[in-house]
N, C-alpha and C. Protein backbone atom coordinates (compact mmCIF):
# COMPACT_ATOMS: atom_id res chain seq x y z
N MET A 1 143.84 -190.68 166.06
CA MET A 1 144.35 -189.81 164.65
C MET A 1 143.03 -189.65 163.90
N ARG A 2 143.26 -189.24 163.05
CA ARG A 2 141.61 -188.47 162.04
C ARG A 2 142.20 -188.94 161.19
N VAL A 3 141.37 -189.90 159.95
CA VAL A 3 141.22 -190.14 158.87
C VAL A 3 140.56 -190.08 158.42
N ALA A 4 140.53 -189.23 157.06
CA ALA A 4 139.12 -188.48 155.97
C ALA A 4 139.77 -189.88 154.71
N VAL A 5 138.65 -190.16 154.45
CA VAL A 5 138.50 -191.17 153.25
C VAL A 5 137.44 -190.64 152.61
N THR A 6 138.14 -190.17 151.37
CA THR A 6 137.44 -189.13 149.89
C THR A 6 137.50 -189.33 148.96
N GLY A 7 136.47 -188.91 147.63
CA GLY A 7 136.71 -189.55 146.30
C GLY A 7 135.24 -189.09 145.82
N THR A 8 135.46 -188.82 144.46
CA THR A 8 134.15 -188.80 143.95
C THR A 8 132.89 -189.58 143.78
N PRO A 9 131.77 -189.16 144.74
CA PRO A 9 130.72 -190.27 144.48
C PRO A 9 131.02 -191.50 143.28
N GLY A 10 130.88 -192.91 143.84
CA GLY A 10 130.86 -193.83 143.30
C GLY A 10 132.37 -194.43 143.64
N THR A 11 133.26 -194.02 143.60
CA THR A 11 134.63 -194.82 143.62
C THR A 11 134.44 -195.56 144.93
N GLY A 12 133.38 -195.90 145.62
CA GLY A 12 133.88 -197.34 146.76
C GLY A 12 134.29 -196.65 148.08
N LYS A 13 133.99 -195.33 148.60
CA LYS A 13 134.50 -195.42 149.64
C LYS A 13 133.52 -195.80 150.97
N THR A 14 132.48 -196.06 150.69
CA THR A 14 131.38 -196.56 151.67
C THR A 14 131.60 -198.13 152.18
N THR A 15 131.82 -198.55 150.87
CA THR A 15 131.83 -200.20 150.51
C THR A 15 133.36 -200.69 151.02
N ALA A 16 134.35 -199.61 150.91
CA ALA A 16 135.45 -199.59 151.52
C ALA A 16 135.41 -200.17 152.86
N VAL A 17 135.17 -198.91 153.46
CA VAL A 17 135.34 -198.32 154.57
C VAL A 17 134.47 -199.82 155.48
N GLU A 18 133.45 -200.14 155.02
CA GLU A 18 132.38 -201.34 156.03
C GLU A 18 133.35 -202.32 156.07
N GLY A 19 134.26 -202.62 155.12
CA GLY A 19 135.24 -203.65 155.70
C GLY A 19 136.45 -203.52 156.17
N LEU A 20 136.88 -202.72 156.92
CA LEU A 20 137.54 -202.02 157.78
C LEU A 20 137.87 -203.09 158.82
N ASP A 21 138.90 -203.62 159.21
CA ASP A 21 139.29 -203.72 160.53
C ASP A 21 140.24 -202.92 161.39
N THR A 22 139.34 -202.06 161.81
CA THR A 22 140.32 -200.91 162.55
C THR A 22 139.37 -200.54 163.92
N ASP A 23 140.27 -200.40 165.18
CA ASP A 23 139.77 -199.79 166.34
C ASP A 23 139.37 -198.34 165.90
N LEU A 24 139.62 -197.57 165.14
CA LEU A 24 139.22 -196.29 164.84
C LEU A 24 137.41 -196.38 164.64
N GLU A 25 136.86 -194.67 165.29
CA GLU A 25 135.38 -194.76 165.04
C GLU A 25 135.06 -194.47 163.85
N ILE A 26 133.91 -195.50 163.48
CA ILE A 26 133.86 -194.63 161.67
C ILE A 26 132.40 -194.11 161.77
N LEU A 27 132.91 -193.23 160.94
CA LEU A 27 131.34 -191.96 160.90
C LEU A 27 131.51 -191.89 159.09
N HIS A 28 130.05 -192.11 158.56
CA HIS A 28 129.68 -191.77 157.44
C HIS A 28 128.99 -190.55 157.50
N LEU A 29 130.17 -189.54 157.08
CA LEU A 29 129.25 -187.94 157.50
C LEU A 29 128.18 -187.66 156.28
N ASN A 30 128.11 -188.88 154.90
CA ASN A 30 126.68 -188.43 154.54
C ASN A 30 124.91 -188.61 155.75
N ASP A 31 125.43 -189.97 156.19
CA ASP A 31 124.43 -190.34 157.32
C ASP A 31 124.24 -189.24 158.32
N VAL A 32 125.93 -188.57 158.99
CA VAL A 32 125.54 -187.75 160.02
C VAL A 32 125.21 -186.56 159.40
N ILE A 33 125.27 -186.16 158.13
CA ILE A 33 124.44 -185.15 157.96
C ILE A 33 123.17 -185.05 157.49
N HIS A 34 122.43 -185.80 157.77
CA HIS A 34 120.93 -186.51 157.65
C HIS A 34 120.68 -186.29 159.04
N GLU A 35 121.19 -187.52 159.71
CA GLU A 35 120.76 -187.60 161.10
C GLU A 35 120.76 -186.15 162.27
N GLU A 36 121.87 -185.77 161.73
CA GLU A 36 121.77 -184.42 162.62
C GLU A 36 121.22 -183.44 162.01
N GLU A 37 120.61 -183.10 161.03
CA GLU A 37 119.99 -182.24 160.01
C GLU A 37 121.03 -181.21 159.48
N PHE A 38 122.00 -181.36 158.94
CA PHE A 38 122.95 -180.50 158.84
C PHE A 38 122.52 -179.91 157.44
N VAL A 39 121.61 -180.27 156.79
CA VAL A 39 121.43 -179.86 155.38
C VAL A 39 120.66 -178.80 155.31
N VAL A 40 121.46 -177.50 154.32
CA VAL A 40 120.67 -176.56 154.70
C VAL A 40 119.74 -175.99 153.33
N GLU A 41 119.77 -176.99 152.25
CA GLU A 41 118.79 -176.67 151.29
C GLU A 41 119.03 -177.88 150.37
N HIS A 42 118.56 -177.66 149.23
CA HIS A 42 118.15 -179.03 148.38
C HIS A 42 118.85 -178.03 146.58
N ASP A 43 119.94 -178.87 146.39
CA ASP A 43 120.36 -178.38 144.80
C ASP A 43 119.67 -179.24 143.74
N GLU A 44 118.15 -178.44 143.32
CA GLU A 44 117.27 -178.91 142.47
C GLU A 44 118.22 -179.41 141.15
N GLU A 45 118.84 -178.74 140.90
CA GLU A 45 119.43 -179.25 139.37
C GLU A 45 120.57 -180.56 139.75
N ARG A 46 121.32 -179.95 140.76
CA ARG A 46 122.15 -181.43 140.79
C ARG A 46 121.46 -182.55 141.23
N ASP A 47 120.02 -182.29 142.03
CA ASP A 47 119.26 -182.99 142.70
C ASP A 47 120.29 -183.96 144.32
N SER A 48 120.75 -183.10 144.70
CA SER A 48 121.58 -183.37 145.85
C SER A 48 121.32 -182.69 146.99
N ALA A 49 121.69 -182.70 148.24
CA ALA A 49 121.49 -182.16 149.34
C ALA A 49 122.77 -181.12 149.96
N VAL A 50 122.73 -180.07 150.17
CA VAL A 50 124.01 -179.29 150.29
C VAL A 50 124.19 -178.79 152.19
N ALA A 51 125.27 -179.38 152.35
CA ALA A 51 125.43 -179.27 154.01
C ALA A 51 125.65 -178.36 154.28
N ASP A 52 125.93 -178.05 155.42
CA ASP A 52 125.88 -176.88 156.52
C ASP A 52 128.00 -177.76 156.49
N LEU A 53 128.63 -176.94 155.88
CA LEU A 53 130.32 -177.93 156.46
C LEU A 53 130.58 -177.28 157.92
N ASP A 54 130.03 -175.92 158.59
CA ASP A 54 130.54 -175.59 159.60
C ASP A 54 130.09 -176.50 160.48
N ALA A 55 128.69 -176.09 160.18
CA ALA A 55 128.32 -177.46 161.53
C ALA A 55 128.82 -179.17 161.44
N VAL A 56 128.94 -179.62 160.53
CA VAL A 56 130.00 -181.20 160.23
C VAL A 56 131.35 -180.83 160.66
N ALA A 57 131.98 -179.64 160.88
CA ALA A 57 133.26 -179.03 160.86
C ALA A 57 133.04 -179.05 162.97
N GLU A 58 131.93 -178.59 163.56
CA GLU A 58 131.64 -178.66 164.59
C GLU A 58 131.55 -180.24 165.35
N PHE A 59 130.98 -181.02 164.70
CA PHE A 59 130.64 -182.00 164.76
C PHE A 59 131.90 -182.89 165.30
N LEU A 60 132.98 -182.47 164.21
CA LEU A 60 133.92 -183.42 164.08
C LEU A 60 135.17 -182.68 165.16
N ASP A 61 134.82 -181.41 165.58
CA ASP A 61 135.78 -180.89 166.76
C ASP A 61 135.76 -181.98 167.90
N GLY A 62 137.25 -182.47 168.21
CA GLY A 62 137.35 -182.80 169.14
C GLY A 62 136.85 -184.24 169.34
N ARG A 63 137.17 -185.29 168.23
CA ARG A 63 137.06 -186.53 168.20
C ARG A 63 138.24 -186.71 167.82
N ASP A 64 138.42 -187.72 167.94
CA ASP A 64 140.03 -188.38 167.93
C ASP A 64 139.88 -189.51 167.67
N ASP A 65 141.01 -190.59 167.31
CA ASP A 65 140.80 -191.98 166.53
C ASP A 65 139.57 -191.91 166.17
N VAL A 66 139.13 -191.25 165.01
CA VAL A 66 137.99 -191.42 164.27
C VAL A 66 138.71 -191.64 162.42
N LEU A 67 137.80 -192.18 162.30
CA LEU A 67 137.83 -192.84 160.36
C LEU A 67 136.81 -192.34 160.15
N PHE A 68 136.37 -191.10 159.26
CA PHE A 68 135.35 -190.38 158.44
C PHE A 68 135.28 -190.81 156.50
N GLU A 69 134.41 -190.82 156.35
CA GLU A 69 134.08 -190.96 154.63
C GLU A 69 133.08 -190.16 154.44
N SER A 70 133.58 -189.16 153.14
CA SER A 70 132.22 -188.94 152.31
C SER A 70 133.00 -188.25 151.42
N HIS A 71 132.71 -188.56 150.38
CA HIS A 71 132.69 -187.17 149.11
C HIS A 71 133.38 -185.32 149.26
N LEU A 72 132.57 -185.15 150.97
CA LEU A 72 133.19 -184.00 151.62
C LEU A 72 134.32 -184.11 152.56
N ALA A 73 134.48 -185.38 152.87
CA ALA A 73 135.58 -185.88 154.00
C ALA A 73 136.91 -184.70 153.75
N HIS A 74 137.24 -184.65 152.96
CA HIS A 74 138.78 -183.94 152.58
C HIS A 74 138.79 -182.27 153.09
N HIS A 75 137.14 -181.83 153.34
CA HIS A 75 137.45 -180.80 154.24
C HIS A 75 137.33 -179.80 155.25
N PHE A 76 137.64 -181.36 155.63
CA PHE A 76 137.55 -181.55 157.62
C PHE A 76 139.27 -181.82 157.95
N ASP A 77 139.44 -181.47 159.24
CA ASP A 77 140.66 -181.34 159.98
C ASP A 77 141.13 -182.97 159.73
N ALA A 78 142.04 -183.06 159.39
CA ALA A 78 142.65 -185.05 159.59
C ALA A 78 144.32 -184.94 159.37
N ASP A 79 144.63 -186.09 159.78
CA ASP A 79 145.86 -185.92 160.10
C ASP A 79 146.71 -186.75 158.82
N ARG A 80 145.54 -187.79 158.12
CA ARG A 80 145.88 -188.65 156.79
C ARG A 80 144.56 -188.60 156.34
N VAL A 81 144.80 -188.08 154.53
CA VAL A 81 143.43 -187.96 153.90
C VAL A 81 143.64 -188.87 152.44
N VAL A 82 142.85 -190.27 152.50
CA VAL A 82 142.61 -191.43 151.19
C VAL A 82 141.94 -190.73 150.73
N VAL A 83 142.83 -190.68 148.63
CA VAL A 83 141.49 -190.57 148.40
C VAL A 83 141.52 -192.03 147.56
N LEU A 84 140.22 -192.14 147.08
CA LEU A 84 139.91 -193.33 146.25
C LEU A 84 139.99 -192.53 144.55
N ARG A 85 140.24 -193.10 143.91
CA ARG A 85 139.98 -192.71 142.61
C ARG A 85 139.51 -194.08 141.88
N THR A 86 138.48 -194.14 141.12
CA THR A 86 137.93 -194.82 139.60
C THR A 86 137.98 -194.22 138.04
N HIS A 87 138.09 -194.85 137.04
CA HIS A 87 138.00 -194.65 136.13
C HIS A 87 137.14 -193.69 135.74
N PRO A 88 136.80 -192.83 135.28
CA PRO A 88 135.37 -192.57 134.75
C PRO A 88 134.57 -192.76 134.10
N GLU A 89 134.92 -194.07 133.10
CA GLU A 89 134.36 -194.83 132.59
C GLU A 89 133.46 -195.66 133.52
N GLU A 90 134.18 -196.59 134.34
CA GLU A 90 133.97 -196.92 135.65
C GLU A 90 132.79 -196.33 136.25
N LEU A 91 133.21 -195.10 136.56
CA LEU A 91 132.49 -194.47 137.94
C LEU A 91 131.06 -194.45 137.30
N ALA A 92 130.92 -193.78 135.85
CA ALA A 92 129.75 -193.60 135.55
C ALA A 92 129.03 -194.61 135.18
N ARG A 93 129.56 -195.69 135.38
CA ARG A 93 128.53 -197.15 135.14
C ARG A 93 128.06 -197.61 136.68
N ARG A 94 129.20 -197.32 137.25
CA ARG A 94 128.32 -197.71 138.78
C ARG A 94 127.62 -196.45 138.91
N LEU A 95 127.29 -195.53 139.11
CA LEU A 95 126.45 -194.32 138.97
C LEU A 95 125.03 -194.38 138.64
N THR A 96 125.31 -194.92 137.18
CA THR A 96 124.25 -195.14 136.51
C THR A 96 123.57 -196.39 137.05
N ASP A 97 124.62 -197.37 137.56
CA ASP A 97 123.77 -198.50 137.85
C ASP A 97 122.86 -198.56 139.40
N ARG A 98 122.93 -197.89 139.65
CA ARG A 98 122.65 -197.33 141.68
C ARG A 98 121.44 -196.46 141.15
N GLY A 99 121.22 -195.38 139.73
CA GLY A 99 119.74 -194.53 139.57
C GLY A 99 120.05 -193.45 139.38
N GLU A 100 121.85 -193.32 139.37
CA GLU A 100 121.63 -191.69 139.45
C GLU A 100 121.42 -191.54 137.75
N SER A 101 121.28 -190.21 137.79
CA SER A 101 121.04 -189.98 135.74
C SER A 101 122.04 -189.52 135.44
N ALA A 102 121.73 -189.61 133.86
CA ALA A 102 123.19 -189.63 132.93
C ALA A 102 123.81 -188.81 133.15
N ALA A 103 122.93 -187.67 133.28
CA ALA A 103 123.63 -185.99 133.64
C ALA A 103 124.60 -185.73 134.83
N LYS A 104 124.16 -186.55 136.08
CA LYS A 104 125.01 -186.48 136.82
C LYS A 104 126.21 -187.56 137.36
N ALA A 105 125.77 -188.65 136.60
CA ALA A 105 126.87 -189.30 136.49
C ALA A 105 128.32 -189.06 135.20
N GLU A 106 127.77 -188.13 134.36
CA GLU A 106 128.74 -188.01 133.24
C GLU A 106 129.46 -186.56 134.08
N GLU A 107 128.73 -185.70 135.09
CA GLU A 107 129.41 -184.46 135.35
C GLU A 107 130.65 -185.34 136.78
N ASN A 108 130.06 -186.10 137.50
CA ASN A 108 131.12 -186.68 138.20
C ASN A 108 132.03 -187.28 137.87
N ALA A 109 131.87 -188.52 136.37
CA ALA A 109 132.97 -188.59 135.75
C ALA A 109 134.09 -187.55 135.16
N GLU A 110 133.65 -186.55 134.63
CA GLU A 110 134.70 -185.72 134.34
C GLU A 110 135.29 -184.88 135.75
N SER A 111 134.59 -184.69 136.65
CA SER A 111 135.21 -184.16 137.75
C SER A 111 136.32 -185.23 138.54
N GLU A 112 135.95 -186.73 138.14
CA GLU A 112 137.23 -187.69 138.65
C GLU A 112 138.15 -187.23 137.41
N ALA A 113 138.14 -187.35 135.93
CA ALA A 113 138.98 -186.97 135.08
C ALA A 113 139.97 -185.86 135.56
N LEU A 114 139.17 -184.44 136.40
CA LEU A 114 140.24 -183.68 136.22
C LEU A 114 140.41 -183.40 137.86
N ASP A 115 140.66 -184.88 138.39
CA ASP A 115 141.46 -184.65 139.56
C ASP A 115 140.44 -183.90 140.61
N VAL A 116 139.62 -183.23 140.54
CA VAL A 116 138.80 -182.16 141.23
C VAL A 116 138.90 -182.85 142.83
N ILE A 117 138.41 -183.75 143.30
CA ILE A 117 138.82 -184.40 144.86
C ILE A 117 140.38 -184.02 145.67
N LEU A 118 140.95 -184.92 144.76
CA LEU A 118 142.63 -185.21 144.69
C LEU A 118 143.06 -183.25 144.94
N ALA A 119 142.78 -182.58 144.08
CA ALA A 119 143.39 -180.88 144.35
C ALA A 119 143.03 -180.37 145.25
N GLU A 120 141.72 -180.65 145.86
CA GLU A 120 141.26 -180.06 147.22
C GLU A 120 141.47 -180.73 148.16
N ALA A 121 142.11 -181.92 147.91
CA ALA A 121 142.88 -182.64 149.22
C ALA A 121 143.98 -181.97 149.52
N VAL A 122 144.83 -182.21 148.37
CA VAL A 122 146.41 -181.74 148.69
C VAL A 122 146.37 -180.16 148.91
N GLU A 123 145.36 -178.94 148.44
CA GLU A 123 145.71 -177.57 148.65
C GLU A 123 145.37 -177.86 149.78
N ARG A 124 144.42 -178.60 150.57
CA ARG A 124 143.98 -178.25 152.25
C ARG A 124 144.91 -178.47 152.74
N HIS A 125 145.53 -179.71 152.37
CA HIS A 125 146.58 -180.87 153.85
C HIS A 125 148.02 -181.07 153.33
N GLY A 126 147.69 -180.75 151.89
CA GLY A 126 149.51 -181.05 151.63
C GLY A 126 149.49 -182.18 151.07
N GLU A 127 150.65 -182.30 150.08
CA GLU A 127 150.62 -183.95 149.67
C GLU A 127 151.24 -184.62 150.76
N ASP A 128 151.92 -184.63 151.75
CA ASP A 128 152.64 -185.05 152.47
C ASP A 128 151.48 -186.19 153.49
N SER A 129 150.28 -185.56 153.53
CA SER A 129 149.43 -186.28 154.20
C SER A 129 148.21 -186.95 153.19
N VAL A 130 148.21 -187.06 151.99
CA VAL A 130 147.11 -187.30 150.85
C VAL A 130 147.75 -188.53 150.35
N TYR A 131 146.63 -189.58 150.53
CA TYR A 131 147.41 -191.26 149.91
C TYR A 131 146.48 -191.45 148.76
N GLU A 132 146.49 -191.35 147.48
CA GLU A 132 145.94 -191.74 146.72
C GLU A 132 146.02 -193.09 146.60
N ILE A 133 144.55 -193.51 146.04
CA ILE A 133 144.45 -195.08 145.82
C ILE A 133 143.70 -195.37 144.56
N ASP A 134 143.95 -195.95 143.69
CA ASP A 134 143.29 -196.35 142.50
C ASP A 134 142.40 -197.69 142.79
N ALA A 135 141.36 -197.22 142.87
CA ALA A 135 140.23 -198.39 143.12
C ALA A 135 139.30 -199.18 141.87
N THR A 136 139.75 -198.58 140.74
CA THR A 136 139.21 -198.76 139.42
C THR A 136 138.89 -200.60 139.47
N GLU A 137 139.80 -201.36 139.68
CA GLU A 137 139.99 -202.88 139.18
C GLU A 137 139.91 -203.83 140.80
N ALA A 138 140.23 -202.65 141.73
CA ALA A 138 140.57 -203.33 143.07
C ALA A 138 139.03 -203.99 143.35
N GLU A 139 139.04 -205.30 144.36
CA GLU A 139 138.02 -205.88 144.75
C GLU A 139 138.00 -204.89 146.34
N PRO A 140 136.73 -204.60 146.77
CA PRO A 140 136.53 -203.64 147.90
C PRO A 140 137.60 -204.41 149.24
N GLY A 141 137.57 -205.53 149.25
CA GLY A 141 138.60 -206.05 150.62
C GLY A 141 140.17 -205.56 150.13
N GLU A 142 140.16 -205.33 148.66
CA GLU A 142 141.88 -204.91 148.96
C GLU A 142 141.95 -203.46 148.83
N VAL A 143 140.49 -202.90 148.90
CA VAL A 143 140.43 -200.98 148.70
C VAL A 143 140.48 -201.07 150.22
N ALA A 144 139.87 -201.84 151.13
CA ALA A 144 140.12 -201.82 152.62
C ALA A 144 141.14 -201.84 152.78
N ALA A 145 142.22 -203.11 152.78
CA ALA A 145 143.52 -203.35 153.07
C ALA A 145 144.47 -202.27 152.79
N ALA A 146 144.24 -201.55 151.92
CA ALA A 146 145.03 -200.44 151.53
C ALA A 146 145.00 -199.40 152.26
N ILE A 147 143.12 -198.72 153.27
CA ILE A 147 143.27 -197.98 154.00
C ILE A 147 143.47 -198.42 155.00
N GLU A 148 143.89 -199.55 155.50
CA GLU A 148 144.12 -200.16 156.71
C GLU A 148 145.67 -199.76 157.13
N ALA A 149 146.57 -199.60 155.61
CA ALA A 149 148.10 -199.54 155.34
C ALA A 149 148.10 -198.41 155.84
N VAL A 150 147.17 -197.21 155.47
CA VAL A 150 147.50 -195.88 155.43
C VAL A 150 147.47 -195.18 156.96
N VAL A 151 146.57 -196.01 157.67
CA VAL A 151 145.86 -195.71 159.15
C VAL A 151 147.09 -196.42 159.71
N ALA A 152 148.00 -197.34 159.45
CA ALA A 152 148.54 -198.08 160.63
C ALA A 152 150.19 -197.96 160.06
N GLY A 153 150.12 -196.70 158.82
CA GLY A 153 151.64 -196.10 159.18
C GLY A 153 152.44 -197.02 158.19
N GLU A 154 151.70 -197.93 157.03
CA GLU A 154 152.70 -198.97 156.33
C GLU A 154 152.58 -198.56 155.02
N ARG A 155 151.93 -197.26 154.37
CA ARG A 155 151.73 -197.19 153.01
C ARG A 155 152.50 -195.50 152.94
N GLU A 156 153.28 -195.42 151.91
CA GLU A 156 153.51 -193.71 152.27
C GLU A 156 152.58 -192.66 151.06
N PRO A 157 152.55 -191.69 151.29
CA PRO A 157 151.36 -191.21 150.95
C PRO A 157 152.48 -190.59 149.62
N GLN A 158 151.26 -190.35 148.72
CA GLN A 158 151.40 -189.96 147.30
C GLN A 158 150.25 -189.56 146.56
N ALA A 159 150.27 -188.49 145.82
CA ALA A 159 149.60 -187.79 144.89
C ALA A 159 150.15 -187.97 143.93
N GLY A 160 148.68 -187.72 142.72
CA GLY A 160 149.28 -187.65 141.79
C GLY A 160 149.85 -188.34 140.68
N THR A 161 149.78 -189.82 141.10
CA THR A 161 150.04 -191.26 140.42
C THR A 161 148.93 -191.79 139.56
N VAL A 162 147.97 -191.38 139.76
CA VAL A 162 146.65 -191.83 138.95
C VAL A 162 146.08 -190.61 138.15
N SER A 163 145.79 -190.82 136.40
CA SER A 163 145.57 -190.06 135.85
C SER A 163 144.69 -190.41 134.77
N PHE A 164 143.58 -190.20 135.43
CA PHE A 164 142.27 -190.19 134.12
C PHE A 164 141.86 -189.37 133.16
N VAL A 165 143.38 -188.58 132.44
CA VAL A 165 143.16 -187.19 131.51
C VAL A 165 142.74 -187.70 130.14
N ASP A 166 142.98 -189.63 129.69
CA ASP A 166 142.70 -189.96 128.36
C ASP A 166 140.77 -189.56 128.58
N TYR A 167 140.75 -189.64 129.41
CA TYR A 167 138.94 -189.97 129.58
C TYR A 167 138.45 -188.16 128.58
N LEU A 168 139.12 -187.29 128.96
CA LEU A 168 138.69 -186.14 128.52
C LEU A 168 138.89 -186.26 126.80
């Protein structure tokens, strides 16, 4: 089984995945991208690395029983895709607290309000493979438990149940 955990930066993907109790191999794709030198350029305007998605897909090819997390994870083949969601105001606070610029925090908050990653995940994988989790007020252990329920097949797919359009 291949499980992707994705979401806008700041939704708590890495923190939740670190608390998982699973037999799946866990890959933090942002680490893989840097360790395997899959960065093809640096976007100066956004102050972020640009990854070679084909190289990442090739790296993942043939790996089974794996859970991989990143804001890019939904771009790759997976049996189940978990999309973590966080209210844009909370998301912006988390990002600025960890040192991101106000502009970058706002860009990500707007993306979250517009459901950008959720829409991409549903478009690529279909509604029957997407599991949306609102992590706004959840503790990391609660988010990890929700992801574990997805992995175990104890949670039904759901997409489009979380709305942050009020932020706009």
